[in-house]
Amino acid sequence: MENEKPSWMHHCELCLACLHFCPVAAIQLEPKTKKRGRYKNPSVTIADMKKQRGE
């Protein structure tokens, strides 16, 4: 996050994790994702995703 806005730093792989993990559904890919449901796998955490990326 930079200045309370998401920053992908040119490393986006379009996994859509940011879209699905956003607690207020503020991140949209296109207008068609607005007002659509979100899915968060209960077995996957943000820490798991960071670990996979080597962070």
N, C-alpha and C. Protein backbone atom coordinates (compact mmCIF):
# COMPACT_ATOMS: atom_id res chain seq x y z
N MET A 1 0.84 -1.18 0.00
CA MET A 1 0.00 0.00 0.00
C MET A 1 0.89 1.24 0.00
N GLU A 2 0.50 2.20 -0.79
CA GLU A 2 1.15 3.51 -0.82
C GLU A 2 0.08 4.57 -0.69
N ASN A 3 0.21 5.41 0.32
CA ASN A 3 -0.78 6.47 0.54
C ASN A 3 -2.20 5.91 0.58
N GLU A 4 -2.36 4.78 1.26
CA GLU A 4 -3.65 4.11 1.43
C GLU A 4 -4.26 3.61 0.12
N LYS A 5 -3.42 3.42 -0.91
CA LYS A 5 -3.88 2.88 -2.18
C LYS A 5 -3.01 1.68 -2.53
N PRO A 6 -3.56 0.67 -3.19
CA PRO A 6 -2.75 -0.50 -3.55
C PRO A 6 -1.70 -0.15 -4.59
N SER A 7 -0.53 -0.74 -4.44
CA SER A 7 0.56 -0.53 -5.39
C SER A 7 1.11 -1.88 -5.79
N TRP A 8 1.08 -2.18 -7.09
CA TRP A 8 1.52 -3.48 -7.56
C TRP A 8 2.98 -3.47 -8.00
N MET A 9 3.56 -2.32 -8.14
CA MET A 9 4.96 -2.17 -8.50
C MET A 9 5.35 -3.00 -9.72
N HIS A 10 4.47 -3.07 -10.69
CA HIS A 10 4.71 -3.76 -11.97
C HIS A 10 4.98 -5.26 -11.81
N HIS A 11 4.48 -5.86 -10.72
CA HIS A 11 4.67 -7.28 -10.49
C HIS A 11 3.33 -8.03 -10.43
N CYS A 12 2.28 -7.45 -10.93
CA CYS A 12 0.96 -8.07 -10.87
C CYS A 12 0.92 -9.31 -11.77
N GLU A 13 0.47 -10.42 -11.22
CA GLU A 13 0.34 -11.66 -11.99
C GLU A 13 -1.11 -12.02 -12.23
N LEU A 14 -2.01 -11.07 -11.94
CA LEU A 14 -3.45 -11.25 -12.12
C LEU A 14 -4.00 -12.49 -11.39
N CYS A 15 -3.50 -12.72 -10.19
CA CYS A 15 -4.02 -13.84 -9.39
C CYS A 15 -5.35 -13.48 -8.75
N LEU A 16 -5.66 -12.19 -8.70
CA LEU A 16 -6.89 -11.63 -8.14
C LEU A 16 -7.00 -11.79 -6.62
N ALA A 17 -5.91 -12.17 -5.95
CA ALA A 17 -5.95 -12.29 -4.50
C ALA A 17 -6.31 -10.96 -3.86
N CYS A 18 -5.77 -9.86 -4.38
CA CYS A 18 -6.08 -8.54 -3.80
C CYS A 18 -7.57 -8.26 -3.89
N LEU A 19 -8.17 -8.59 -5.01
CA LEU A 19 -9.60 -8.36 -5.20
C LEU A 19 -10.42 -9.18 -4.20
N HIS A 20 -10.07 -10.44 -4.04
CA HIS A 20 -10.84 -11.31 -3.16
C HIS A 20 -10.54 -11.09 -1.68
N PHE A 21 -9.33 -10.65 -1.32
CA PHE A 21 -8.98 -10.44 0.08
C PHE A 21 -9.34 -9.06 0.59
N CYS A 22 -9.66 -8.12 -0.28
CA CYS A 22 -9.99 -6.76 0.16
C CYS A 22 -11.23 -6.81 1.05
N PRO A 23 -11.11 -6.37 2.31
CA PRO A 23 -12.23 -6.51 3.24
C PRO A 23 -13.44 -5.64 2.93
N VAL A 24 -13.28 -4.62 2.10
CA VAL A 24 -14.41 -3.75 1.78
C VAL A 24 -14.76 -3.76 0.30
N ALA A 25 -14.22 -4.71 -0.45
CA ALA A 25 -14.48 -4.85 -1.89
C ALA A 25 -14.20 -3.56 -2.66
N ALA A 26 -13.14 -2.84 -2.26
CA ALA A 26 -12.80 -1.57 -2.90
C ALA A 26 -12.00 -1.76 -4.18
N ILE A 27 -11.40 -2.92 -4.38
CA ILE A 27 -10.58 -3.16 -5.56
C ILE A 27 -11.43 -3.81 -6.64
N GLN A 28 -11.43 -3.22 -7.83
CA GLN A 28 -12.20 -3.74 -8.95
C GLN A 28 -11.25 -3.98 -10.11
N LEU A 29 -11.44 -5.07 -10.83
CA LEU A 29 -10.63 -5.33 -12.01
C LEU A 29 -11.20 -4.57 -13.20
N GLU A 30 -12.46 -4.65 -13.37
CA GLU A 30 -13.20 -3.95 -14.43
C GLU A 30 -14.59 -3.65 -13.86
N PRO A 31 -15.37 -2.84 -14.53
CA PRO A 31 -16.72 -2.57 -14.01
C PRO A 31 -17.54 -3.85 -13.77
N LYS A 32 -17.25 -4.90 -14.51
CA LYS A 32 -18.06 -6.12 -14.33
C LYS A 32 -17.79 -6.84 -13.02
N THR A 33 -16.71 -6.50 -12.30
CA THR A 33 -16.47 -7.14 -11.00
C THR A 33 -17.19 -6.41 -9.87
N LYS A 34 -17.68 -5.21 -10.16
CA LYS A 34 -18.38 -4.43 -9.14
C LYS A 34 -19.68 -5.14 -8.76
N LYS A 35 -19.96 -5.17 -7.47
CA LYS A 35 -21.18 -5.78 -6.92
C LYS A 35 -21.24 -7.29 -7.13
N ARG A 36 -20.08 -7.91 -7.38
CA ARG A 36 -20.05 -9.37 -7.50
C ARG A 36 -19.46 -9.94 -6.24
N GLY A 37 -19.76 -11.18 -5.97
CA GLY A 37 -19.26 -11.83 -4.77
C GLY A 37 -17.76 -12.02 -4.77
N ARG A 38 -17.22 -12.21 -3.61
CA ARG A 38 -15.80 -12.47 -3.44
C ARG A 38 -15.65 -13.84 -2.81
N TYR A 39 -14.56 -14.51 -3.10
CA TYR A 39 -14.30 -15.82 -2.51
C TYR A 39 -12.92 -15.83 -1.89
N LYS A 40 -12.84 -16.20 -0.64
CA LYS A 40 -11.57 -16.34 0.04
C LYS A 40 -11.47 -17.76 0.55
N ASN A 41 -10.52 -18.51 0.02
CA ASN A 41 -10.30 -19.88 0.47
C ASN A 41 -9.95 -19.84 1.95
N PRO A 42 -10.72 -20.49 2.79
CA PRO A 42 -10.46 -20.44 4.24
C PRO A 42 -9.14 -21.09 4.64
N SER A 43 -8.55 -21.87 3.75
CA SER A 43 -7.29 -22.54 4.07
C SER A 43 -6.06 -21.73 3.66
N VAL A 44 -6.25 -20.60 2.98
CA VAL A 44 -5.13 -19.79 2.49
C VAL A 44 -5.14 -18.44 3.20
N THR A 45 -3.97 -18.04 3.68
CA THR A 45 -3.84 -16.75 4.35
C THR A 45 -2.91 -15.84 3.55
N ILE A 46 -2.91 -14.58 3.89
CA ILE A 46 -2.00 -13.64 3.24
C ILE A 46 -0.56 -14.06 3.52
N ALA A 47 -0.31 -14.54 4.72
CA ALA A 47 1.05 -15.01 5.07
C ALA A 47 1.47 -16.16 4.16
N ASP A 48 0.54 -17.05 3.82
CA ASP A 48 0.84 -18.15 2.90
C ASP A 48 1.25 -17.62 1.53
N MET A 49 0.53 -16.61 1.05
CA MET A 49 0.83 -16.04 -0.27
C MET A 49 2.18 -15.35 -0.27
N LYS A 50 2.50 -14.63 0.82
CA LYS A 50 3.81 -13.98 0.91
C LYS A 50 4.93 -15.01 0.95
N LYS A 51 4.71 -16.08 1.68
CA LYS A 51 5.71 -17.14 1.78
C LYS A 51 5.97 -17.76 0.41
N GLN A 52 4.91 -17.95 -0.37
CA GLN A 52 5.05 -18.53 -1.70
C GLN A 52 5.87 -17.63 -2.61
N ARG A 53 5.73 -16.33 -2.43
CA ARG A 53 6.47 -15.36 -3.26
C ARG A 53 7.87 -15.12 -2.74
N GLY A 54 8.21 -15.72 -1.59
CA GLY A 54 9.54 -15.53 -1.03
C GLY A 54 9.70 -14.26 -0.23
N GLU A 55 8.60 -13.71 0.24
CA GLU A 55 8.66 -12.46 1.02
C GLU A 55 8.76 -12.76 2.49
